[in-house]
Amino acid sequence: MDSAAPAAPAAGSPDPAACRDEVDRLVDAWRHERPDLDVAPLEVLSRVSRLARHLDRARRTAFAEHDLEPWEFDVLSALRRAGAPYQLTPSKLLTQTLVTSGTMTNRIDRLAAKDLVKRLPDPGDRRGVLVQLSETGRERVDGAFEGLLAQERELLGSLSAAERGTLAGLLRTLVLPFDN
């Protein structure tokens, strides 16, 4: 078998040659207009970009159903993942959410005003504080997370478990250099 031959579609998957999407049309147009350029990266990264927009909409929908903004979910989920008693220092929250110190202070203030988190004195540092997830915050983040997973399952619904595993591995390989 020729190694350059396209792989046969997986059982139950549509034949890629029969299913053309907007990216196929975009790539075809660029190949026509700029045959001197290799536009192959568009076939992957334009799809990733389009998928990211769909994921962003799905996330916003899941969070809005639980009266949360995406940034609120990010902070609350970092606290929830920390495990009982669901508390972190502001500096650990900074590390996990990739925002500035001033932004984190503002976010903690706003979450505390909504009774989603509490500030507690840090027993290990007299000048420090711990941010703790409140019961209301835990209920909201848990509900939003369940909604998010349902939205994400729907987005991935056309892939088999094996295809999802393969895609996850390929994306990990692509993202790893940026995360290290």
C-alpha atoms as a PDB file:
ATOM      1  CA  MET A   1       0.000   0.000   0.000  1.00  0.00           C
ATOM      2  CA  ASP A   2       1.294   3.464  -0.895  1.00  0.00           C
ATOM      3  CA  SER A   3       2.086   5.413   2.311  1.00  0.00           C
ATOM      4  CA  ALA A   4       0.982   8.640   0.599  1.00  0.00           C
ATOM      5  CA  ALA A   5      -2.521   7.298   0.003  1.00  0.00           C
ATOM      6  CA  PRO A   6      -5.182   8.907   2.181  1.00  0.00           C
ATOM      7  CA  ALA A   7      -6.437   6.786   5.048  1.00  0.00           C
ATOM      8  CA  ALA A   8      -9.824   5.196   4.651  1.00  0.00           C
ATOM      9  CA  PRO A   9     -12.522   6.791   6.801  1.00  0.00           C
ATOM     10  CA  ALA A  10     -13.171   5.046  10.110  1.00  0.00           C
ATOM     11  CA  ALA A  11     -16.242   2.842  10.280  1.00  0.00           C
ATOM     12  CA  GLY A  12     -19.284   5.048  10.733  1.00  0.00           C
ATOM     13  CA  SER A  13     -17.392   8.210   9.765  1.00  0.00           C
ATOM     14  CA  PRO A  14     -18.341  10.151   6.662  1.00  0.00           C
ATOM     15  CA  ASP A  15     -15.955  10.003   3.718  1.00  0.00           C
ATOM     16  CA  PRO A  16     -13.840  13.201   4.004  1.00  0.00           C
ATOM     17  CA  ALA A  17     -13.853  13.582   0.213  1.00  0.00           C
ATOM     18  CA  ALA A  18     -17.656  13.758   0.269  1.00  0.00           C
ATOM     19  CA  CYS A  19     -17.782  16.290   3.156  1.00  0.00           C
ATOM     20  CA  ARG A  20     -16.384  19.677   2.304  1.00  0.00           C
ATOM     21  CA  ASP A  21     -16.397  22.437   4.859  1.00  0.00           C
ATOM     22  CA  GLU A  22     -15.683  26.146   4.785  1.00  0.00           C
ATOM     23  CA  VAL A  23     -11.971  25.519   5.370  1.00  0.00           C
ATOM     24  CA  ASP A  24     -11.805  23.328   2.254  1.00  0.00           C
ATOM     25  CA  ARG A  25     -13.268  26.197   0.234  1.00  0.00           C
ATOM     26  CA  LEU A  26     -10.891  28.709   1.809  1.00  0.00           C
ATOM     27  CA  VAL A  27      -7.849  26.493   1.125  1.00  0.00           C
ATOM     28  CA  ASP A  28      -8.959  25.870  -2.469  1.00  0.00           C
ATOM     29  CA  ALA A  29      -9.307  29.608  -3.041  1.00  0.00           C
ATOM     30  CA  TRP A  30      -5.820  30.308  -1.654  1.00  0.00           C
ATOM     31  CA  ARG A  31      -4.317  27.497  -3.716  1.00  0.00           C
ATOM     32  CA  HIS A  32      -5.890  29.035  -6.810  1.00  0.00           C
ATOM     33  CA  GLU A  33      -4.789  32.578  -5.979  1.00  0.00           C
ATOM     34  CA  ARG A  34      -1.362  31.713  -4.524  1.00  0.00           C
ATOM     35  CA  PRO A  35      -0.174  28.414  -6.044  1.00  0.00           C
ATOM     36  CA  ASP A  36       3.354  29.439  -5.069  1.00  0.00           C
ATOM     37  CA  LEU A  37       2.581  28.986  -1.344  1.00  0.00           C
ATOM     38  CA  ASP A  38       2.083  25.855   0.719  1.00  0.00           C
ATOM     39  CA  VAL A  39      -1.248  26.540   2.428  1.00  0.00           C
ATOM     40  CA  ALA A  40      -1.465  23.095   4.075  1.00  0.00           C
ATOM     41  CA  PRO A  41      -1.197  24.555   7.629  1.00  0.00           C
ATOM     42  CA  LEU A  42      -4.573  26.215   7.045  1.00  0.00           C
ATOM     43  CA  GLU A  43      -6.205  22.792   6.749  1.00  0.00           C
ATOM     44  CA  VAL A  44      -5.416  22.098  10.410  1.00  0.00           C
ATOM     45  CA  LEU A  45      -5.129  25.442  12.126  1.00  0.00           C
ATOM     46  CA  SER A  46      -8.113  27.124  10.492  1.00  0.00           C
ATOM     47  CA  ARG A  47     -10.229  24.215  11.713  1.00  0.00           C
ATOM     48  CA  VAL A  48      -8.737  24.528  15.196  1.00  0.00           C
ATOM     49  CA  SER A  49      -9.540  28.234  15.145  1.00  0.00           C
ATOM     50  CA  ARG A  50     -13.124  27.631  14.017  1.00  0.00           C
ATOM     51  CA  LEU A  51     -13.541  24.907  16.635  1.00  0.00           C
ATOM     52  CA  ALA A  52     -12.208  27.284  19.309  1.00  0.00           C
ATOM     53  CA  ARG A  53     -14.967  29.765  18.427  1.00  0.00           C
ATOM     54  CA  HIS A  54     -17.600  27.040  18.763  1.00  0.00           C
ATOM     55  CA  LEU A  55     -16.080  25.927  22.071  1.00  0.00           C
ATOM     56  CA  ASP A  56     -16.051  29.509  23.356  1.00  0.00           C
ATOM     57  CA  ARG A  57     -19.782  29.815  22.585  1.00  0.00           C
ATOM     58  CA  ALA A  58     -20.498  26.467  24.264  1.00  0.00           C
ATOM     59  CA  ARG A  59     -18.519  27.496  27.353  1.00  0.00           C
ATOM     60  CA  ARG A  60     -20.311  30.827  27.613  1.00  0.00           C
ATOM     61  CA  THR A  61     -23.683  29.063  27.321  1.00  0.00           C
ATOM     62  CA  ALA A  62     -22.811  26.511  30.014  1.00  0.00           C
ATOM     63  CA  PHE A  63     -21.530  29.204  32.356  1.00  0.00           C
ATOM     64  CA  ALA A  64     -24.402  31.639  31.741  1.00  0.00           C
ATOM     65  CA  GLU A  65     -26.885  28.923  32.717  1.00  0.00           C
ATOM     66  CA  HIS A  66     -25.245  29.055  36.160  1.00  0.00           C
ATOM     67  CA  ASP A  67     -24.908  32.839  36.262  1.00  0.00           C
ATOM     68  CA  LEU A  68     -21.140  32.768  35.792  1.00  0.00           C
ATOM     69  CA  GLU A  69     -18.773  34.594  33.480  1.00  0.00           C
ATOM     70  CA  PRO A  70     -15.882  32.598  31.968  1.00  0.00           C
ATOM     71  CA  TRP A  71     -13.338  34.340  34.200  1.00  0.00           C
ATOM     72  CA  GLU A  72     -15.449  33.527  37.275  1.00  0.00           C
ATOM     73  CA  PHE A  73     -15.546  29.870  36.272  1.00  0.00           C
ATOM     74  CA  ASP A  74     -11.750  29.880  35.824  1.00  0.00           C
ATOM     75  CA  VAL A  75     -11.131  31.122  39.374  1.00  0.00           C
ATOM     76  CA  LEU A  76     -13.849  29.009  40.993  1.00  0.00           C
ATOM     77  CA  SER A  77     -12.759  25.860  39.159  1.00  0.00           C
ATOM     78  CA  ALA A  78      -9.132  26.393  40.241  1.00  0.00           C
ATOM     79  CA  LEU A  79     -10.354  26.473  43.844  1.00  0.00           C
ATOM     80  CA  ARG A  80     -12.617  23.444  43.313  1.00  0.00           C
ATOM     81  CA  ARG A  81      -9.783  21.395  41.773  1.00  0.00           C
ATOM     82  CA  ALA A  82      -7.603  22.192  44.802  1.00  0.00           C
ATOM     83  CA  GLY A  83      -9.749  19.784  46.839  1.00  0.00           C
ATOM     84  CA  ALA A  84     -11.171  20.265  50.310  1.00  0.00           C
ATOM     85  CA  PRO A  85     -11.050  22.783  51.917  1.00  0.00           C
ATOM     86  CA  TYR A  86     -11.069  24.405  48.421  1.00  0.00           C
ATOM     87  CA  GLN A  87      -8.636  27.205  49.142  1.00  0.00           C
ATOM     88  CA  LEU A  88      -5.558  28.673  47.504  1.00  0.00           C
ATOM     89  CA  THR A  89      -3.362  31.691  47.972  1.00  0.00           C
ATOM     90  CA  PRO A  90      -3.886  34.525  45.514  1.00  0.00           C
ATOM     91  CA  SER A  91      -0.423  33.779  44.044  1.00  0.00           C
ATOM     92  CA  LYS A  92      -1.419  30.155  43.304  1.00  0.00           C
ATOM     93  CA  LEU A  93      -4.606  31.443  41.675  1.00  0.00           C
ATOM     94  CA  LEU A  94      -2.452  33.775  39.545  1.00  0.00           C
ATOM     95  CA  THR A  95      -0.383  30.835  38.370  1.00  0.00           C
ATOM     96  CA  GLN A  96      -3.426  28.780  37.444  1.00  0.00           C
ATOM     97  CA  THR A  97      -5.407  31.528  35.714  1.00  0.00           C
ATOM     98  CA  LEU A  98      -2.543  33.416  34.027  1.00  0.00           C
ATOM     99  CA  VAL A  99      -3.686  36.924  35.002  1.00  0.00           C
ATOM    100  CA  THR A 100      -1.863  39.818  36.659  1.00  0.00           C
ATOM    101  CA  SER A 101      -1.862  40.454  40.391  1.00  0.00           C
ATOM    102  CA  GLY A 102      -4.113  43.513  40.030  1.00  0.00           C
ATOM    103  CA  THR A 103      -6.569  41.583  37.889  1.00  0.00           C
ATOM    104  CA  MET A 104      -6.673  38.738  40.424  1.00  0.00           C
ATOM    105  CA  THR A 105      -7.298  41.139  43.310  1.00  0.00           C
ATOM    106  CA  ASN A 106     -10.208  42.647  41.373  1.00  0.00           C
ATOM    107  CA  ARG A 107     -11.596  39.207  40.565  1.00  0.00           C
ATOM    108  CA  ILE A 108     -11.392  38.026  44.153  1.00  0.00           C
ATOM    109  CA  ASP A 109     -13.148  41.221  45.294  1.00  0.00           C
ATOM    110  CA  ARG A 110     -15.954  40.683  42.791  1.00  0.00           C
ATOM    111  CA  LEU A 111     -16.356  36.997  43.633  1.00  0.00           C
ATOM    112  CA  ALA A 112     -16.410  37.778  47.373  1.00  0.00           C
ATOM    113  CA  ALA A 113     -19.098  40.432  46.791  1.00  0.00           C
ATOM    114  CA  LYS A 114     -21.226  37.720  45.130  1.00  0.00           C
ATOM    115  CA  ASP A 115     -20.568  35.321  48.063  1.00  0.00           C
ATOM    116  CA  LEU A 116     -18.801  32.859  45.760  1.00  0.00           C
ATOM    117  CA  VAL A 117     -15.501  33.003  47.679  1.00  0.00           C
ATOM    118  CA  LYS A 118     -14.300  34.060  51.121  1.00  0.00           C
ATOM    119  CA  ARG A 119     -11.018  35.618  52.198  1.00  0.00           C
ATOM    120  CA  LEU A 120      -9.419  33.938  55.199  1.00  0.00           C
ATOM    121  CA  PRO A 121      -6.212  34.731  57.073  1.00  0.00           C
ATOM    122  CA  ASP A 122      -3.358  32.455  56.016  1.00  0.00           C
ATOM    123  CA  PRO A 123      -2.223  30.565  59.144  1.00  0.00           C
ATOM    124  CA  GLY A 124       1.194  30.064  57.554  1.00  0.00           C
ATOM    125  CA  ASP A 125       1.739  33.768  56.770  1.00  0.00           C
ATOM    126  CA  ARG A 126       0.417  36.491  59.097  1.00  0.00           C
ATOM    127  CA  ARG A 127       0.288  39.003  56.244  1.00  0.00           C
ATOM    128  CA  GLY A 128      -1.183  36.586  53.710  1.00  0.00           C
ATOM    129  CA  VAL A 129      -4.696  35.506  52.857  1.00  0.00           C
ATOM    130  CA  LEU A 130      -6.297  32.378  51.500  1.00  0.00           C
ATOM    131  CA  VAL A 131      -9.160  32.448  49.054  1.00  0.00           C
ATOM    132  CA  GLN A 132     -11.745  29.790  49.839  1.00  0.00           C
ATOM    133  CA  LEU A 133     -14.620  28.597  47.704  1.00  0.00           C
ATOM    134  CA  SER A 134     -17.963  29.221  49.438  1.00  0.00           C
ATOM    135  CA  GLU A 135     -20.762  26.665  49.395  1.00  0.00           C
ATOM    136  CA  THR A 136     -22.627  28.852  46.889  1.00  0.00           C
ATOM    137  CA  GLY A 137     -19.486  29.053  44.745  1.00  0.00           C
ATOM    138  CA  ARG A 138     -19.057  25.283  44.881  1.00  0.00           C
ATOM    139  CA  GLU A 139     -22.657  24.667  43.810  1.00  0.00           C
ATOM    140  CA  ARG A 140     -22.296  27.114  40.914  1.00  0.00           C
ATOM    141  CA  VAL A 141     -18.968  25.799  39.643  1.00  0.00           C
ATOM    142  CA  ASP A 142     -20.111  22.186  39.933  1.00  0.00           C
ATOM    143  CA  GLY A 143     -23.278  22.924  37.940  1.00  0.00           C
ATOM    144  CA  ALA A 144     -21.382  24.929  35.335  1.00  0.00           C
ATOM    145  CA  PHE A 145     -18.774  22.177  34.991  1.00  0.00           C
ATOM    146  CA  GLU A 146     -21.461  19.549  34.404  1.00  0.00           C
ATOM    147  CA  GLY A 147     -23.037  21.839  31.780  1.00  0.00           C
ATOM    148  CA  LEU A 148     -19.653  22.413  30.153  1.00  0.00           C
ATOM    149  CA  LEU A 149     -18.982  18.696  29.883  1.00  0.00           C
ATOM    150  CA  ALA A 150     -22.377  18.173  28.262  1.00  0.00           C
ATOM    151  CA  GLN A 151     -21.623  20.932  25.720  1.00  0.00           C
ATOM    152  CA  GLU A 152     -18.178  19.482  25.010  1.00  0.00           C
ATOM    153  CA  ARG A 153     -19.557  15.956  24.583  1.00  0.00           C
ATOM    154  CA  GLU A 154     -21.950  17.357  22.005  1.00  0.00           C
ATOM    155  CA  LEU A 155     -19.115  19.107  20.154  1.00  0.00           C
ATOM    156  CA  LEU A 156     -17.166  15.840  20.032  1.00  0.00           C
ATOM    157  CA  GLY A 157     -20.205  13.681  19.306  1.00  0.00           C
ATOM    158  CA  SER A 158     -19.222  12.858  15.738  1.00  0.00           C
ATOM    159  CA  LEU A 159     -15.963  11.215  16.885  1.00  0.00           C
ATOM    160  CA  SER A 160     -15.569   7.709  18.248  1.00  0.00           C
ATOM    161  CA  ALA A 161     -13.756   7.175  21.548  1.00  0.00           C
ATOM    162  CA  ALA A 162     -10.684   6.024  19.603  1.00  0.00           C
ATOM    163  CA  GLU A 163     -10.787   9.115  17.372  1.00  0.00           C
ATOM    164  CA  ARG A 164     -11.110  11.388  20.432  1.00  0.00           C
ATOM    165  CA  GLY A 165      -8.076   9.659  21.955  1.00  0.00           C
ATOM    166  CA  THR A 166      -6.052  10.081  18.781  1.00  0.00           C
ATOM    167  CA  LEU A 167      -7.081  13.735  18.459  1.00  0.00           C
ATOM    168  CA  ALA A 168      -6.245  14.412  22.123  1.00  0.00           C
ATOM    169  CA  GLY A 169      -2.784  12.908  21.622  1.00  0.00           C
ATOM    170  CA  LEU A 170      -2.108  14.898  18.471  1.00  0.00           C
ATOM    171  CA  LEU A 171      -3.269  18.153  20.067  1.00  0.00           C
ATOM    172  CA  ARG A 172      -1.118  17.438  23.145  1.00  0.00           C
ATOM    173  CA  THR A 173       1.910  17.048  20.864  1.00  0.00           C
ATOM    174  CA  LEU A 174       1.067  20.340  19.161  1.00  0.00           C
ATOM    175  CA  VAL A 175       0.445  22.300  22.400  1.00  0.00           C
ATOM    176  CA  LEU A 176       3.221  20.857  24.575  1.00  0.00           C
ATOM    177  CA  PRO A 177       5.994  23.213  23.400  1.00  0.00           C
ATOM    178  CA  PHE A 178       3.825  26.196  24.379  1.00  0.00           C
ATOM    179  CA  ASP A 179       3.042  24.845  27.842  1.00  0.00           C
ATOM    180  CA  ASN A 180       6.627  24.149  28.854  1.00  0.00           C
END
